[in-house]
Amino acid sequence: MSGVRVRVAAKINLSLRVGARRPDGFHDLSTVFQAISLFDDIQVRASPIGSGRTISVAGERVDGVPRDDRNLAARAAIALAEAVGQPDPDVHIDIDKAIPVAGGMAGGSADAAATLVACRALWDTEIADEELHRVAADLGSDVPFALQGGTAQGTGRGDILVPVLATGEWHWVVALNDGELSTPQVFAECDRLRSCGLSEPAPGDDSALMAALRAGSARDLAPCLVNDLQPAALSLRPSLAAVLAAGTDVGALAGLVSGSGPTCIFLAADREHAIGLAAELAGSGLVRGVRHAFGPVRGAHLIP
């Protein structure tokens, strides 16, 4: 097989509750993920023996994306080769990005998950899904969900997943902002704000959120959206507060920072509502771009 193509979706966190910092440096999380229709396409093909990993990246604002083994996609190829007893892999990984870079939507983790799926097919290995999930979890907390997709509850570092029933289709407006926010920096700021008494964890009950997802009710879901990292993201990037206010002012049912930011997401009642919200936000002058997306969508999967 000369090459394999895989499509993988962005993630949003409908609920992100952050516990205390653990001895290993991570935080215990309780989160509800949803995969939405912003996709990266990954193609992996074999390269000449001894060439190692080479990477090409296309898309918006990708200048800072590593083109060597620092890229999580390259590390995924190496990790899978080790897991199945392959020699050091010689592959070219072509990444076509639509997921915002460093935007709090797990674009790097998505590319790693797609590379795992692509290399499994390219090498025709029989590695089981459970073992692939373990390799994914070793690469990063969000990589297992990028494999799975849909809607799921994550615990531990976010890598222990249980599928969640979400009926119907959910529509989101994604507001893209200038610059990046470092995920470790946002977690550190979250810890700092809590130590100063300036921020507290949200109460840890997602039962109303789960009921809204089962019922397919966007209006019931709106008051249940929560992100414990939002105060930290706003502290580091105060301009995001104006973006969130603008979204609700033009009629979004709810808005919040996506993951560690700086991307913001807004819940719409339906497709037509989302299109109208996107047009209003695009004209606000507060964001560099908007996208309409829907979910849930499937996890990393082969495409022709």
Protein backbone atom coordinates (compact mmCIF):
# COMPACT_ATOMS: atom_id res chain seq x y z
CA MET A 1 0.00 0.00 0.00
CA SER A 2 1.57 3.28 -1.13
CA GLY A 3 -0.38 5.69 1.06
CA VAL A 4 -3.32 5.96 3.45
CA ARG A 5 -5.62 8.94 4.08
CA VAL A 6 -7.43 9.54 7.37
CA ARG A 7 -9.88 12.25 8.42
CA VAL A 8 -10.06 13.36 12.05
CA ALA A 9 -12.28 15.86 13.85
CA ALA A 10 -11.74 18.70 16.29
CA LYS A 11 -13.05 18.32 19.81
CA ILE A 12 -14.90 20.68 22.08
CA ASN A 13 -15.51 20.29 25.81
CA LEU A 14 -19.14 20.72 26.79
CA SER A 15 -18.06 20.37 30.39
CA LEU A 16 -14.49 20.61 31.65
CA ARG A 17 -13.99 20.25 35.39
CA VAL A 18 -10.40 20.46 36.59
CA GLY A 19 -9.30 18.82 39.83
CA ALA A 20 -6.17 19.34 41.86
CA ARG A 21 -2.70 18.99 40.36
CA ARG A 22 -1.39 15.44 40.77
CA PRO A 23 2.14 14.35 41.72
CA ASP A 24 2.77 13.43 38.06
CA GLY A 25 2.06 17.03 37.04
CA PHE A 26 -1.30 16.31 35.44
CA HIS A 27 -4.72 17.30 36.80
CA ASP A 28 -7.63 14.96 37.41
CA LEU A 29 -10.33 15.87 34.91
CA SER A 30 -14.00 15.20 34.44
CA THR A 31 -15.06 16.28 30.99
CA VAL A 32 -17.68 15.71 28.33
CA PHE A 33 -16.22 15.79 24.83
CA GLN A 34 -17.95 16.22 21.50
CA ALA A 35 -16.30 15.79 18.10
CA ILE A 36 -17.40 18.45 15.62
CA SER A 37 -17.12 18.95 11.88
CA LEU A 38 -13.81 20.78 11.64
CA PHE A 39 -11.41 18.26 10.15
CA ASP A 40 -7.74 17.65 9.54
CA ASP A 41 -6.86 15.25 6.71
CA ILE A 42 -3.71 13.18 7.16
CA GLN A 43 -1.96 11.13 4.48
CA VAL A 44 0.80 8.73 5.46
CA ARG A 45 2.98 6.93 2.93
CA ALA A 46 6.13 4.87 3.09
CA SER A 47 9.45 6.66 2.53
CA PRO A 48 12.87 5.34 1.45
CA ILE A 49 14.66 3.26 4.07
CA GLY A 50 16.68 5.41 6.43
CA SER A 51 14.82 8.64 5.71
CA GLY A 52 13.01 8.69 9.06
CA ARG A 53 9.90 10.84 9.41
CA THR A 54 9.26 13.77 7.10
CA ILE A 55 6.25 16.03 7.52
CA SER A 56 4.50 18.60 5.36
CA VAL A 57 1.76 20.84 6.74
CA ALA A 58 -0.81 22.94 4.89
CA GLY A 59 -3.50 25.20 6.28
CA GLU A 60 -4.03 28.48 8.06
CA ARG A 61 -1.34 29.74 10.46
CA VAL A 62 0.72 26.55 10.39
CA ASP A 63 4.18 28.17 10.35
CA GLY A 64 4.86 27.13 13.94
CA VAL A 65 3.83 23.49 13.49
CA PRO A 66 6.95 21.27 13.80
CA ARG A 67 8.05 19.37 10.68
CA ASP A 68 10.19 16.86 12.55
CA ASP A 69 9.91 14.29 15.35
CA ARG A 70 8.67 16.98 17.76
CA ASN A 71 5.35 16.80 15.93
CA LEU A 72 2.91 14.57 17.81
CA ALA A 73 1.99 12.84 14.54
CA ALA A 74 5.61 11.72 14.06
CA ARG A 75 5.72 10.55 17.67
CA ALA A 76 2.54 8.56 17.01
CA ALA A 77 4.18 6.71 14.11
CA ILE A 78 7.20 5.92 16.28
CA ALA A 79 5.03 4.75 19.20
CA LEU A 80 2.91 2.47 17.04
CA ALA A 81 5.99 0.95 15.42
CA GLU A 82 7.37 0.16 18.89
CA ALA A 83 4.04 -1.33 19.98
CA VAL A 84 3.85 -3.74 17.03
CA GLY A 85 7.55 -4.57 16.85
CA GLN A 86 8.25 -2.64 13.65
CA PRO A 87 11.66 -1.06 13.03
CA ASP A 88 12.08 2.71 13.27
CA PRO A 89 9.45 3.87 10.75
CA ASP A 90 10.34 5.65 7.52
CA VAL A 91 7.20 7.55 6.57
CA HIS A 92 6.09 10.84 5.10
CA ILE A 93 3.15 12.45 6.92
CA ASP A 94 1.16 15.06 5.03
CA ILE A 95 -1.13 17.15 7.28
CA ASP A 96 -3.88 19.33 5.80
CA LYS A 97 -5.21 21.38 8.72
CA ALA A 98 -8.62 22.97 9.25
CA ILE A 99 -8.58 22.52 13.04
CA PRO A 100 -7.18 25.75 14.56
CA VAL A 101 -3.55 25.48 15.64
CA ALA A 102 -3.11 25.88 19.42
CA GLY A 103 -6.77 26.84 19.63
CA GLY A 104 -7.97 24.57 22.44
CA MET A 105 -9.55 22.07 20.04
CA ALA A 106 -6.90 19.32 20.24
CA GLY A 107 -5.61 19.67 16.70
CA GLY A 108 -2.22 18.13 17.48
CA SER A 109 -3.84 15.23 19.33
CA ALA A 110 -6.22 14.73 16.40
CA ASP A 111 -3.27 14.48 14.00
CA ALA A 112 -1.63 11.91 16.26
CA ALA A 113 -4.80 9.82 16.36
CA ALA A 114 -5.13 10.00 12.57
CA THR A 115 -1.51 8.91 12.17
CA LEU A 116 -2.12 5.88 14.40
CA VAL A 117 -5.08 4.83 12.24
CA ALA A 118 -3.16 5.49 9.02
CA CYS A 119 -0.04 3.59 10.09
CA ARG A 120 -2.08 0.63 11.31
CA ALA A 121 -3.59 0.37 7.83
CA LEU A 122 -0.35 1.17 5.98
CA TRP A 123 1.55 -1.54 7.83
CA ASP A 124 -1.41 -3.95 7.81
CA THR A 125 -0.91 -4.66 11.50
CA GLU A 126 -3.49 -6.52 13.58
CA ILE A 127 -3.14 -4.36 16.70
CA ALA A 128 -6.44 -4.40 18.61
CA ASP A 129 -8.46 -1.28 19.28
CA GLU A 130 -7.79 -1.57 23.02
CA GLU A 131 -4.02 -1.59 22.47
CA LEU A 132 -4.29 1.29 20.02
CA HIS A 133 -6.16 3.23 22.72
CA ARG A 134 -3.30 2.54 25.16
CA VAL A 135 -0.74 3.82 22.67
CA ALA A 136 -2.94 6.88 22.13
CA ALA A 137 -3.22 7.59 25.87
CA ASP A 138 0.56 7.43 26.25
CA LEU A 139 0.87 10.11 23.56
CA GLY A 140 -1.53 12.59 25.15
CA SER A 141 -4.72 13.02 27.13
CA ASP A 142 -6.91 14.02 24.15
CA VAL A 143 -5.59 11.46 21.64
CA PRO A 144 -7.92 8.59 22.72
CA PHE A 145 -11.02 10.74 22.21
CA ALA A 146 -9.80 11.81 18.77
CA LEU A 147 -9.70 8.11 17.93
CA GLN A 148 -13.21 7.50 19.27
CA GLY A 149 -15.13 10.65 18.34
CA GLY A 150 -18.84 11.10 18.95
CA THR A 151 -19.74 12.35 22.43
CA ALA A 152 -18.03 10.85 25.46
CA GLN A 153 -17.29 11.45 29.12
CA GLY A 154 -13.61 11.48 30.01
CA THR A 155 -12.06 11.00 33.43
CA GLY A 156 -8.51 10.56 34.73
CA ARG A 157 -6.46 12.81 32.45
CA GLY A 158 -9.45 12.76 30.10
CA ASP A 159 -8.23 9.52 28.53
CA ILE A 160 -10.65 7.11 30.28
CA LEU A 161 -13.71 7.31 28.04
CA VAL A 162 -17.34 6.27 28.28
CA PRO A 163 -19.68 6.98 25.32
CA VAL A 164 -22.50 9.44 26.00
CA LEU A 165 -25.87 9.36 24.23
CA ALA A 166 -26.48 12.61 22.36
CA THR A 167 -29.57 12.56 20.17
CA GLY A 168 -29.95 14.73 17.11
CA GLU A 169 -27.44 17.18 15.70
CA TRP A 170 -25.85 20.03 17.65
CA HIS A 171 -24.80 23.24 15.94
CA TRP A 172 -21.88 25.40 17.02
CA VAL A 173 -20.27 28.63 15.91
CA VAL A 174 -16.51 28.58 16.36
CA ALA A 175 -14.85 31.98 16.81
CA LEU A 176 -11.16 32.01 15.89
CA ASN A 177 -8.94 34.48 17.72
CA ASP A 178 -5.49 35.87 17.05
CA GLY A 179 -2.52 34.34 18.80
CA GLU A 180 -2.21 31.15 20.77
CA LEU A 181 -2.54 30.03 24.36
CA SER A 182 -0.22 27.38 25.76
CA THR A 183 -2.18 24.60 27.46
CA PRO A 184 0.41 24.13 30.26
CA GLN A 185 0.41 27.89 30.83
CA VAL A 186 -3.39 27.96 31.12
CA PHE A 187 -3.39 25.09 33.63
CA ALA A 188 -0.67 26.87 35.63
CA GLU A 189 -2.74 30.05 35.65
CA CYS A 190 -5.76 28.04 36.79
CA ASP A 191 -3.71 26.76 39.75
CA ARG A 192 -2.47 30.27 40.52
CA LEU A 193 -5.96 31.80 40.49
CA ARG A 194 -7.23 29.08 42.80
CA SER A 195 -4.32 29.49 45.21
CA CYS A 196 -5.15 33.21 45.43
CA GLY A 197 -8.85 32.55 45.96
CA LEU A 198 -9.72 34.21 42.64
CA SER A 199 -11.27 31.12 41.04
CA GLU A 200 -13.04 27.98 42.22
CA PRO A 201 -13.90 24.68 40.53
CA ALA A 202 -17.46 24.38 39.26
CA PRO A 203 -19.72 21.99 41.19
CA GLY A 204 -19.07 18.54 39.78
CA ASP A 205 -22.52 17.43 38.63
CA ASP A 206 -23.18 16.89 34.92
CA SER A 207 -26.52 15.09 35.30
CA ALA A 208 -28.50 17.99 33.78
CA LEU A 209 -26.05 18.17 30.88
CA MET A 210 -26.40 14.44 30.22
CA ALA A 211 -30.20 14.73 30.30
CA ALA A 212 -30.12 17.61 27.80
CA LEU A 213 -27.90 15.59 25.45
CA ARG A 214 -30.24 12.60 25.66
CA ALA A 215 -33.25 14.81 24.97
CA GLY A 216 -31.56 16.66 22.12
CA SER A 217 -32.47 20.01 23.66
CA ALA A 218 -30.05 22.85 22.89
CA ARG A 219 -31.92 25.23 25.20
CA ASP A 220 -31.60 22.78 28.09
CA LEU A 221 -27.93 22.21 27.31
CA ALA A 222 -27.03 25.93 27.23
CA PRO A 223 -26.98 26.58 31.01
CA CYS A 224 -25.01 23.35 31.60
CA LEU A 225 -21.91 24.28 29.61
CA VAL A 226 -18.92 24.82 31.91
CA ASN A 227 -15.16 25.21 31.61
CA ASP A 228 -12.98 25.46 34.72
CA LEU A 229 -10.11 26.73 32.54
CA GLN A 230 -12.09 29.72 31.28
CA PRO A 231 -11.13 32.09 34.13
CA ALA A 232 -7.45 31.29 33.48
CA ALA A 233 -7.82 31.81 29.73
CA LEU A 234 -9.55 35.15 30.34
CA SER A 235 -6.84 36.16 32.79
CA LEU A 236 -4.15 35.52 30.19
CA ARG A 237 -6.19 36.92 27.29
CA PRO A 238 -8.71 39.49 28.64
CA SER A 239 -9.94 40.32 25.13
CA LEU A 240 -11.77 36.99 25.03
CA ALA A 241 -14.38 38.39 27.42
CA ALA A 242 -15.54 40.79 24.70
CA VAL A 243 -15.82 37.90 22.22
CA LEU A 244 -17.97 35.88 24.63
CA ALA A 245 -20.17 38.91 25.32
CA ALA A 246 -20.57 39.60 21.60
CA GLY A 247 -21.73 36.05 20.94
CA THR A 248 -24.44 36.14 23.57
CA ASP A 249 -25.43 39.68 22.53
CA VAL A 250 -26.23 38.49 19.00
CA GLY A 251 -28.33 35.59 20.26
CA ALA A 252 -26.15 32.57 21.02
CA LEU A 253 -27.78 30.25 23.54
CA ALA A 254 -24.45 30.03 25.38
CA GLY A 255 -20.77 30.66 24.81
CA LEU A 256 -17.53 29.56 26.41
CA VAL A 257 -13.83 29.26 25.80
CA SER A 258 -12.99 25.97 24.09
CA GLY A 259 -10.64 23.93 26.28
CA SER A 260 -7.57 26.02 27.07
CA GLY A 261 -8.50 28.59 24.39
CA PRO A 262 -8.23 31.01 22.76
CA THR A 263 -10.95 29.66 20.44
CA CYS A 264 -14.48 30.40 21.69
CA ILE A 265 -17.56 28.32 20.87
CA PHE A 266 -21.22 29.31 20.82
CA LEU A 267 -24.24 27.02 20.96
CA ALA A 268 -27.00 27.60 18.41
CA ALA A 269 -30.57 26.34 18.39
CA ASP A 270 -30.26 24.84 14.89
CA ARG A 271 -28.41 25.15 11.59
CA GLU A 272 -30.14 28.35 10.46
CA HIS A 273 -29.54 29.99 13.83
CA ALA A 274 -25.85 29.04 13.64
CA ILE A 275 -25.46 30.55 10.17
CA GLY A 276 -26.97 33.81 11.37
CA LEU A 277 -24.77 33.89 14.48
CA ALA A 278 -21.68 33.24 12.37
CA ALA A 279 -22.52 36.16 10.08
CA GLU A 280 -23.04 38.51 13.05
CA LEU A 281 -19.79 37.49 14.74
CA ALA A 282 -17.84 37.73 11.49
CA GLY A 283 -18.91 41.36 11.22
CA SER A 284 -18.12 42.23 14.83
CA GLY A 285 -14.45 43.00 14.23
CA LEU A 286 -13.56 41.04 17.37
CA VAL A 287 -12.47 37.76 15.77
CA ARG A 288 -10.21 36.81 12.87
CA GLY A 289 -12.70 34.27 11.53
CA VAL A 290 -15.73 32.13 12.28
CA ARG A 291 -16.75 28.60 11.39
CA HIS A 292 -20.10 26.84 11.58
CA ALA A 293 -19.72 23.24 12.74
CA PHE A 294 -22.02 20.46 13.84
CA GLY A 295 -21.62 17.39 15.99
CA PRO A 296 -21.27 14.75 17.00
CA VAL A 297 -19.16 13.28 14.21
CA ARG A 298 -17.11 10.09 14.06
CA GLY A 299 -13.53 9.69 15.24
CA ALA A 300 -10.42 9.19 13.10
CA HIS A 301 -11.33 7.09 10.06
CA LEU A 302 -9.99 6.04 6.68
CA ILE A 303 -11.11 7.97 3.61
CA PRO A 304 -10.60 7.17 -0.09
